[in-house]
Amino acid sequence: MKIIIRRLFLLLGSVCLAIFLLEGALQLFTKDTTKNLDNIGYTFSCYEKGDYYWYKLKTNQTCQLKSRSHAFPDFLIRTNSLSLRNPEISQKKNPKTVRVLFVGDSYTFGMGVEENEAFPRKTQELFNQQFATTSASLESINAGLPAADAGYYYLYLKNDGEKLKPDIVVIGFYTFNDIYDDEFKLTWTETDPNGLPAKITAPLSTIDSTGRVISTNIAPKYKMPWIRKSRILTLLTDSLFETTKVRNETTLLSNVCLYKPSCHDLDENKAKTKQLFDGIKKMTDANHQKLLVVMIPAIWQVYDKYRIKYNILVPLSPTEKSLPHTEFASFFQSRNIDYIDMLPIFLKKPQQTYFTEDTHWNTFGHEIAAEAIVEKLKNYDLK
């Protein structure tokens, strides 16, 4: 009997070893059929469902961020008790401090750089270095949320940002997918009497049990992380059941509409974005806060060599590349909203300001943005 049991254990061990070796070989030499199941180009299990916006960062967590393109090294992201990538802060502001609240998407969040290298923290550092002898001490708060849009900017300020009592609100406005947002197909499921969103959902995306953003179009079996991470199990389930409907991440050609004055396919998107900025302006005026919008260009607007890589298949003239910026600059002027257009600033810089394998700013890009913001803040009456 003991011999039989011993042989069974040896057989079981041999099978486990064989499975382990097979899994390792498949991971090395076969294509991952689930790598495009997420709606975003990185691995970051640090999200949870939100109340007014469809997702938010987890609270008091340390999460690893990995770029799928290996544009930047893996590193850890830490969130505070307010679900922000920011050192812990007190809601009660020091009366001798000028508090600046930065709201934006992954650029503001600092995708690919450390927290102290992202432009919100760099702005604080640079300003305080230059004006340490004056009475104005700057405190930056980073409320950036990767892949968020102008709806988040408005709702965050309305629900949480106002509680922080900022003196200045800076919006990081990425003029590409803050207008052209085919990524999540966001829906204003609840609106207020003014027609502005009270709740925003994402029918094409959800947060799985690990805190990862995934597409709702994938087969249910791939929503289970333990299946999705195993190459053997994904191959078996693809063979036994239907092949998963992998989301096509190719950007639709309608994104070119942003840069073509004859195209009006995105007029509704632009109108909604302007409506949200009107709502933000109304809030900041009511709270006696200054509002500054930083217009962030896409990498192909600055470097034409990236145009084809990101599926902008038609050549764009300098005027066309700047079209969304000039249109919104006119809008901001008409609403008395202060702004910085980073496109002409970046075009003058000889050094690469974006990662070579990613659409986000590198550390130099963040430094340039911080310098431009500090120059703008110098003209404000900060007391």
Protein backbone atom coordinates (compact mmCIF):
# COMPACT_ATOMS: atom_id res chain seq x y z
CA MET A 1 0.00 0.00 0.00
CA LYS A 2 2.82 2.38 0.89
CA ILE A 3 4.47 1.64 -2.45
CA ILE A 4 1.24 2.52 -4.30
CA ILE A 5 0.85 5.78 -2.37
CA ARG A 6 4.51 6.65 -3.02
CA ARG A 7 4.05 5.99 -6.74
CA LEU A 8 0.91 8.14 -6.78
CA PHE A 9 2.80 11.03 -5.14
CA LEU A 10 5.64 10.61 -7.63
CA LEU A 11 3.16 10.58 -10.51
CA LEU A 12 1.39 13.65 -9.15
CA GLY A 13 4.72 15.43 -8.69
CA SER A 14 5.78 14.54 -12.22
CA VAL A 15 2.49 15.85 -13.62
CA CYS A 16 2.81 19.11 -11.64
CA LEU A 17 6.40 19.55 -12.82
CA ALA A 18 5.36 18.88 -16.42
CA ILE A 19 2.53 21.43 -16.17
CA PHE A 20 4.91 23.98 -14.63
CA LEU A 21 7.47 23.47 -17.40
CA LEU A 22 4.80 23.58 -20.09
CA GLU A 23 3.36 26.80 -18.66
CA GLY A 24 6.82 28.35 -18.64
CA ALA A 25 7.49 27.29 -22.23
CA LEU A 26 4.13 28.64 -23.40
CA GLN A 27 4.73 31.94 -21.63
CA LEU A 28 8.05 32.26 -23.46
CA PHE A 29 7.17 31.04 -26.93
CA THR A 30 3.45 31.62 -27.56
CA LYS A 31 1.39 34.75 -28.03
CA ASP A 32 -0.73 35.93 -25.12
CA THR A 33 -4.30 35.92 -26.44
CA THR A 34 -5.52 37.99 -23.48
CA LYS A 35 -3.03 40.87 -23.56
CA ASN A 36 -5.49 43.15 -25.36
CA LEU A 37 -8.40 42.41 -23.05
CA ASP A 38 -7.74 45.53 -21.01
CA ASN A 39 -8.78 48.91 -22.32
CA ILE A 40 -5.44 50.49 -21.47
CA GLY A 41 -1.80 50.01 -22.47
CA TYR A 42 -0.36 49.09 -19.11
CA THR A 43 -0.89 46.70 -16.21
CA PHE A 44 -1.98 48.44 -13.05
CA SER A 45 -4.27 46.68 -10.55
CA CYS A 46 -5.04 49.70 -8.41
CA TYR A 47 -8.63 50.62 -9.28
CA GLU A 48 -12.02 50.16 -7.69
CA LYS A 49 -15.54 51.16 -8.62
CA GLY A 50 -16.34 54.80 -8.01
CA ASP A 51 -19.53 56.47 -6.81
CA TYR A 52 -20.04 59.36 -9.23
CA TYR A 53 -17.37 58.41 -11.81
CA TRP A 54 -17.16 54.81 -12.94
CA TYR A 55 -13.80 54.09 -11.28
CA LYS A 56 -11.20 55.59 -8.96
CA LEU A 57 -7.86 54.73 -7.40
CA LYS A 58 -7.84 52.41 -4.40
CA THR A 59 -7.30 54.00 -1.01
CA ASN A 60 -4.01 53.64 0.91
CA GLN A 61 -2.52 51.15 -1.53
CA THR A 62 0.88 50.37 -3.01
CA CYS A 63 0.46 49.02 -6.54
CA GLN A 64 2.91 48.05 -9.26
CA LEU A 65 2.70 49.79 -12.62
CA LYS A 66 3.97 47.93 -15.70
CA SER A 67 4.16 49.30 -19.22
CA ARG A 68 3.20 46.75 -21.89
CA SER A 69 5.60 48.38 -24.34
CA HIS A 70 8.38 48.54 -21.72
CA ALA A 71 8.55 52.28 -22.31
CA PHE A 72 9.54 52.80 -18.69
CA PRO A 73 10.72 50.49 -15.88
CA ASP A 74 8.22 48.87 -13.52
CA PHE A 75 7.71 50.87 -10.35
CA LEU A 76 5.37 51.28 -7.40
CA ILE A 77 2.49 53.73 -7.12
CA ARG A 78 1.30 54.76 -3.65
CA THR A 79 -2.12 56.25 -2.94
CA ASN A 80 -3.25 58.16 0.14
CA SER A 81 -6.42 58.09 2.25
CA LEU A 82 -8.19 60.30 -0.32
CA SER A 83 -7.49 57.83 -3.18
CA LEU A 84 -4.94 60.18 -4.73
CA ARG A 85 -1.36 59.66 -5.89
CA ASN A 86 -0.18 62.23 -3.42
CA PRO A 87 1.46 62.37 0.01
CA GLU A 88 -1.06 62.46 2.86
CA ILE A 89 -2.67 65.86 3.18
CA SER A 90 -4.91 67.64 5.63
CA GLN A 91 -8.24 68.85 4.30
CA LYS A 92 -7.76 71.95 6.44
CA LYS A 93 -5.38 74.25 4.60
CA ASN A 94 -2.59 76.24 6.21
CA PRO A 95 -3.66 79.91 5.84
CA LYS A 96 -0.09 80.84 4.81
CA THR A 97 -0.13 78.30 1.97
CA VAL A 98 -1.42 78.68 -1.56
CA ARG A 99 -3.09 75.36 -2.35
CA VAL A 100 -3.13 74.28 -5.99
CA LEU A 101 -5.34 71.33 -6.95
CA PHE A 102 -4.30 69.56 -10.16
CA VAL A 103 -7.02 67.50 -11.86
CA GLY A 104 -6.40 65.54 -15.05
CA ASP A 105 -5.76 62.15 -16.60
CA SER A 106 -2.61 60.01 -16.84
CA TYR A 107 -0.43 62.99 -17.79
CA THR A 108 -1.33 64.78 -14.56
CA PHE A 109 -1.13 61.50 -12.63
CA GLY A 110 2.43 61.09 -13.93
CA MET A 111 2.27 57.90 -15.96
CA GLY A 112 5.80 56.49 -16.25
CA VAL A 113 7.47 58.84 -13.77
CA GLU A 114 7.80 58.92 -10.01
CA GLU A 115 5.35 61.00 -7.98
CA ASN A 116 7.94 63.69 -7.26
CA GLU A 117 8.78 63.90 -10.99
CA ALA A 118 5.21 64.53 -12.20
CA PHE A 119 4.44 68.15 -13.07
CA PRO A 120 2.10 68.84 -10.10
CA ARG A 121 4.86 68.10 -7.59
CA LYS A 122 7.53 69.71 -9.82
CA THR A 123 5.42 72.88 -9.93
CA GLN A 124 5.39 73.03 -6.13
CA GLU A 125 9.14 72.39 -5.98
CA LEU A 126 10.08 74.95 -8.62
CA PHE A 127 7.76 77.65 -7.31
CA ASN A 128 8.95 77.30 -3.72
CA GLN A 129 12.59 77.29 -4.84
CA GLN A 130 12.13 80.57 -6.70
CA PHE A 131 9.88 82.34 -4.20
CA ALA A 132 11.03 80.91 -0.86
CA THR A 133 11.69 84.42 0.50
CA THR A 134 8.13 85.64 -0.14
CA SER A 135 5.04 84.97 1.95
CA ALA A 136 3.56 82.68 -0.69
CA SER A 137 4.29 78.98 -0.15
CA LEU A 138 2.78 76.62 -2.71
CA GLU A 139 1.17 73.26 -1.91
CA SER A 140 0.28 70.97 -4.83
CA ILE A 141 -2.34 68.23 -4.70
CA ASN A 142 -2.37 65.67 -7.53
CA ALA A 143 -5.87 64.39 -8.34
CA GLY A 144 -4.88 62.90 -11.70
CA LEU A 145 -6.66 59.67 -12.68
CA PRO A 146 -5.30 57.58 -15.59
CA ALA A 147 -7.62 57.45 -18.63
CA ALA A 148 -10.07 59.93 -17.09
CA ASP A 149 -11.85 62.61 -19.10
CA ALA A 150 -13.34 66.07 -18.59
CA GLY A 151 -16.39 64.46 -16.97
CA TYR A 152 -14.15 63.23 -14.17
CA TYR A 153 -12.54 66.65 -13.81
CA TYR A 154 -15.95 68.25 -13.31
CA LEU A 155 -17.36 65.55 -11.02
CA TYR A 156 -14.22 65.30 -8.89
CA LEU A 157 -14.24 69.05 -8.25
CA LYS A 158 -17.95 69.00 -7.49
CA ASN A 159 -17.88 66.01 -5.12
CA ASP A 160 -14.40 65.95 -3.56
CA GLY A 161 -12.19 68.76 -4.82
CA GLU A 162 -14.22 71.55 -3.22
CA LYS A 163 -13.66 69.98 0.22
CA LEU A 164 -9.92 70.64 -0.13
CA LYS A 165 -10.53 74.40 -0.48
CA PRO A 166 -7.91 75.02 -3.19
CA ASP A 167 -6.93 78.56 -4.10
CA ILE A 168 -6.12 77.55 -7.67
CA VAL A 169 -7.49 74.70 -9.80
CA VAL A 170 -5.28 73.48 -12.66
CA ILE A 171 -6.90 71.21 -15.25
CA GLY A 172 -4.60 68.99 -17.33
CA PHE A 173 -6.60 68.90 -20.57
CA TYR A 174 -5.34 66.25 -23.02
CA THR A 175 -6.82 67.57 -26.23
CA PHE A 176 -6.86 64.18 -27.94
CA ASN A 177 -8.87 61.66 -25.96
CA ASP A 178 -10.51 64.18 -23.65
CA ILE A 179 -12.45 65.08 -26.81
CA TYR A 180 -12.14 61.96 -28.92
CA ASP A 181 -12.99 59.27 -26.37
CA ASP A 182 -13.59 55.97 -28.14
CA GLU A 183 -11.82 54.09 -25.37
CA PHE A 184 -14.63 53.57 -22.86
CA LYS A 185 -17.76 55.04 -24.52
CA LEU A 186 -18.60 56.98 -21.37
CA THR A 187 -22.27 57.65 -20.63
CA TRP A 188 -23.85 60.39 -18.55
CA THR A 189 -26.28 58.07 -16.80
CA GLU A 190 -27.53 60.80 -14.45
CA THR A 191 -27.65 64.53 -15.11
CA ASP A 192 -28.48 67.56 -13.00
CA PRO A 193 -31.05 70.27 -13.87
CA ASN A 194 -28.34 72.15 -15.82
CA GLY A 195 -27.71 69.16 -18.08
CA LEU A 196 -24.33 68.41 -16.53
CA PRO A 197 -23.44 64.88 -15.40
CA ALA A 198 -24.21 63.70 -11.90
CA LYS A 199 -22.94 60.18 -12.60
CA ILE A 200 -20.81 58.75 -15.42
CA THR A 201 -20.58 55.05 -16.31
CA ALA A 202 -18.54 53.08 -18.86
CA PRO A 203 -20.64 50.36 -20.56
CA LEU A 204 -17.61 48.86 -22.33
CA SER A 205 -15.37 48.58 -19.27
CA THR A 206 -15.40 47.34 -15.71
CA ILE A 207 -13.07 46.72 -12.76
CA ASP A 208 -12.27 43.07 -12.03
CA SER A 209 -11.62 41.50 -8.62
CA THR A 210 -7.90 42.34 -8.78
CA GLY A 211 -8.50 46.06 -9.36
CA ARG A 212 -7.71 45.94 -13.06
CA VAL A 213 -9.63 47.72 -15.85
CA ILE A 214 -10.98 45.16 -18.33
CA SER A 215 -13.34 45.21 -21.28
CA THR A 216 -16.90 44.00 -20.78
CA ASN A 217 -16.76 42.49 -24.28
CA ILE A 218 -14.48 39.64 -23.24
CA ALA A 219 -15.72 36.13 -22.57
CA PRO A 220 -16.77 35.61 -18.91
CA LYS A 221 -14.01 33.02 -18.35
CA TYR A 222 -11.33 35.67 -18.93
CA LYS A 223 -12.77 37.88 -16.22
CA MET A 224 -11.32 35.38 -13.74
CA PRO A 225 -7.68 36.45 -13.15
CA TRP A 226 -6.45 32.91 -12.41
CA ILE A 227 -7.55 31.81 -15.89
CA ARG A 228 -6.30 34.94 -17.63
CA LYS A 229 -2.80 34.64 -16.14
CA SER A 230 -2.32 30.99 -17.17
CA ARG A 231 -1.35 30.33 -20.79
CA ILE A 232 -2.41 26.67 -20.48
CA LEU A 233 -5.88 27.52 -19.17
CA THR A 234 -6.48 30.21 -21.79
CA LEU A 235 -5.50 27.80 -24.58
CA LEU A 236 -7.72 25.09 -23.14
CA THR A 237 -10.72 27.39 -22.73
CA ASP A 238 -10.24 28.77 -26.23
CA SER A 239 -10.27 25.20 -27.55
CA LEU A 240 -13.23 24.00 -25.51
CA PHE A 241 -15.33 27.14 -25.86
CA GLU A 242 -15.46 30.07 -28.25
CA THR A 243 -12.37 32.17 -28.98
CA THR A 244 -12.54 35.33 -26.95
CA LYS A 245 -13.59 38.49 -28.69
CA VAL A 246 -10.44 40.49 -28.22
CA ARG A 247 -11.08 44.21 -28.32
CA ASN A 248 -9.69 45.89 -31.41
CA GLU A 249 -7.39 48.60 -30.07
CA THR A 250 -6.78 50.18 -33.47
CA THR A 251 -7.85 53.78 -33.22
CA LEU A 252 -10.67 54.53 -35.64
CA LEU A 253 -9.93 56.98 -38.43
CA SER A 254 -12.52 59.38 -37.02
CA ASN A 255 -9.80 60.53 -34.61
CA VAL A 256 -8.35 62.46 -37.55
CA CYS A 257 -11.53 64.53 -37.42
CA LEU A 258 -9.97 66.49 -34.56
CA TYR A 259 -7.49 67.97 -37.00
CA LYS A 260 -9.70 68.51 -40.07
CA PRO A 261 -11.83 71.69 -40.04
CA SER A 262 -14.16 70.20 -42.67
CA CYS A 263 -15.06 67.27 -40.38
CA HIS A 264 -17.89 67.65 -37.88
CA ASP A 265 -18.18 64.09 -36.55
CA LEU A 266 -16.87 65.16 -33.16
CA ASP A 267 -18.96 68.31 -32.77
CA GLU A 268 -21.09 66.69 -30.06
CA ASN A 269 -17.98 65.57 -28.17
CA LYS A 270 -16.54 69.09 -28.35
CA ALA A 271 -19.82 70.62 -27.21
CA LYS A 272 -19.96 68.32 -24.18
CA THR A 273 -16.35 69.11 -23.28
CA LYS A 274 -17.05 72.84 -23.48
CA GLN A 275 -20.19 72.35 -21.39
CA LEU A 276 -18.09 70.65 -18.70
CA PHE A 277 -15.53 73.48 -18.70
CA ASP A 278 -18.40 75.96 -18.32
CA GLY A 279 -19.51 73.98 -15.28
CA ILE A 280 -15.97 73.98 -13.86
CA LYS A 281 -15.64 77.72 -14.43
CA LYS A 282 -18.94 78.35 -12.67
CA MET A 283 -17.78 76.31 -9.66
CA THR A 284 -14.38 77.96 -9.35
CA ASP A 285 -15.91 81.44 -9.72
CA ALA A 286 -18.45 80.67 -6.99
CA ASN A 287 -15.60 79.53 -4.72
CA HIS A 288 -13.41 82.54 -5.59
CA GLN A 289 -10.76 80.24 -7.02
CA LYS A 290 -8.47 80.85 -9.97
CA LEU A 291 -8.82 78.39 -12.86
CA LEU A 292 -5.95 77.45 -15.18
CA VAL A 293 -6.20 74.93 -18.03
CA VAL A 294 -3.03 73.29 -19.37
CA MET A 295 -3.64 72.05 -22.92
CA ILE A 296 -1.61 68.87 -23.46
CA PRO A 297 -0.76 67.87 -27.06
CA ALA A 298 -0.59 64.33 -28.40
CA ILE A 299 2.84 62.96 -29.26
CA TRP A 300 2.16 63.03 -33.03
CA GLN A 301 1.34 66.75 -32.84
CA VAL A 302 4.88 67.38 -31.58
CA TYR A 303 6.75 64.64 -33.47
CA ASP A 304 5.38 63.70 -36.87
CA LYS A 305 7.40 60.45 -36.92
CA TYR A 306 4.91 58.92 -34.48
CA ARG A 307 1.86 59.64 -36.65
CA ILE A 308 1.72 56.29 -38.47
CA LYS A 309 2.53 54.30 -35.32
CA TYR A 310 -0.58 55.67 -33.63
CA ASN A 311 -2.75 55.23 -36.71
CA ILE A 312 -2.95 58.86 -37.82
CA LEU A 313 -2.69 57.74 -41.42
CA VAL A 314 -3.10 61.04 -43.23
CA PRO A 315 -0.46 63.78 -43.23
CA LEU A 316 -1.32 66.78 -41.05
CA SER A 317 -0.20 70.33 -41.71
CA PRO A 318 1.03 72.46 -38.78
CA THR A 319 -2.29 74.33 -38.85
CA GLU A 320 -4.25 71.07 -38.72
CA LYS A 321 -2.15 69.70 -35.87
CA SER A 322 -2.89 72.76 -33.78
CA LEU A 323 -6.60 72.92 -34.68
CA PRO A 324 -8.06 71.51 -31.43
CA HIS A 325 -5.79 73.81 -29.42
CA THR A 326 -6.69 76.94 -31.36
CA GLU A 327 -10.40 76.11 -31.20
CA PHE A 328 -10.35 75.60 -27.44
CA ALA A 329 -8.07 78.58 -26.91
CA SER A 330 -10.78 80.73 -28.53
CA PHE A 331 -13.38 79.09 -26.32
CA PHE A 332 -11.35 79.65 -23.14
CA GLN A 333 -10.79 83.30 -24.09
CA SER A 334 -14.53 83.77 -24.60
CA ARG A 335 -15.17 82.36 -21.11
CA ASN A 336 -12.33 84.26 -19.41
CA ILE A 337 -10.58 80.99 -18.57
CA ASP A 338 -6.81 81.25 -18.25
CA TYR A 339 -4.84 78.61 -20.15
CA ILE A 340 -1.41 77.43 -21.28
CA ASP A 341 -0.98 75.82 -24.69
CA MET A 342 1.90 73.36 -24.34
CA LEU A 343 2.07 72.57 -28.08
CA PRO A 344 4.13 75.62 -29.21
CA ILE A 345 6.28 75.29 -26.08
CA PHE A 346 7.12 71.65 -26.81
CA LEU A 347 7.72 72.33 -30.51
CA LYS A 348 10.57 74.66 -29.52
CA LYS A 349 12.33 72.08 -27.35
CA PRO A 350 15.14 70.14 -29.05
CA GLN A 351 15.09 67.38 -26.43
CA GLN A 352 12.54 64.53 -26.59
CA THR A 353 9.70 65.29 -24.16
CA TYR A 354 7.78 61.99 -24.55
CA PHE A 355 8.78 58.38 -23.99
CA THR A 356 9.94 56.81 -27.26
CA GLU A 357 7.59 53.81 -26.83
CA ASP A 358 4.68 55.50 -25.07
CA THR A 359 2.45 58.53 -25.59
CA HIS A 360 3.19 60.06 -22.18
CA TRP A 361 5.69 62.69 -21.09
CA ASN A 362 9.08 61.66 -19.79
CA THR A 363 10.69 63.51 -16.88
CA PHE A 364 11.88 66.30 -19.18
CA GLY A 365 8.34 66.82 -20.47
CA HIS A 366 7.05 67.17 -16.91
CA GLU A 367 9.79 69.65 -16.07
CA ILE A 368 8.87 71.81 -19.08
CA ALA A 369 5.19 71.75 -18.10
CA ALA A 370 6.03 72.69 -14.50
CA GLU A 371 8.20 75.58 -15.65
CA ALA A 372 5.39 76.91 -17.84
CA ILE A 373 2.89 76.70 -14.97
CA VAL A 374 5.25 78.46 -12.56
CA GLU A 375 5.72 81.27 -15.09
CA LYS A 376 1.94 81.65 -15.25
CA LEU A 377 1.52 81.56 -11.47
CA LYS A 378 4.09 84.34 -11.10
CA ASN A 379 1.51 86.68 -12.62
CA TYR A 380 -1.17 85.75 -10.07
CA ASP A 381 -1.73 87.69 -6.89
CA LEU A 382 -0.79 84.92 -4.46
CA LYS A 383 -1.26 85.96 -0.85
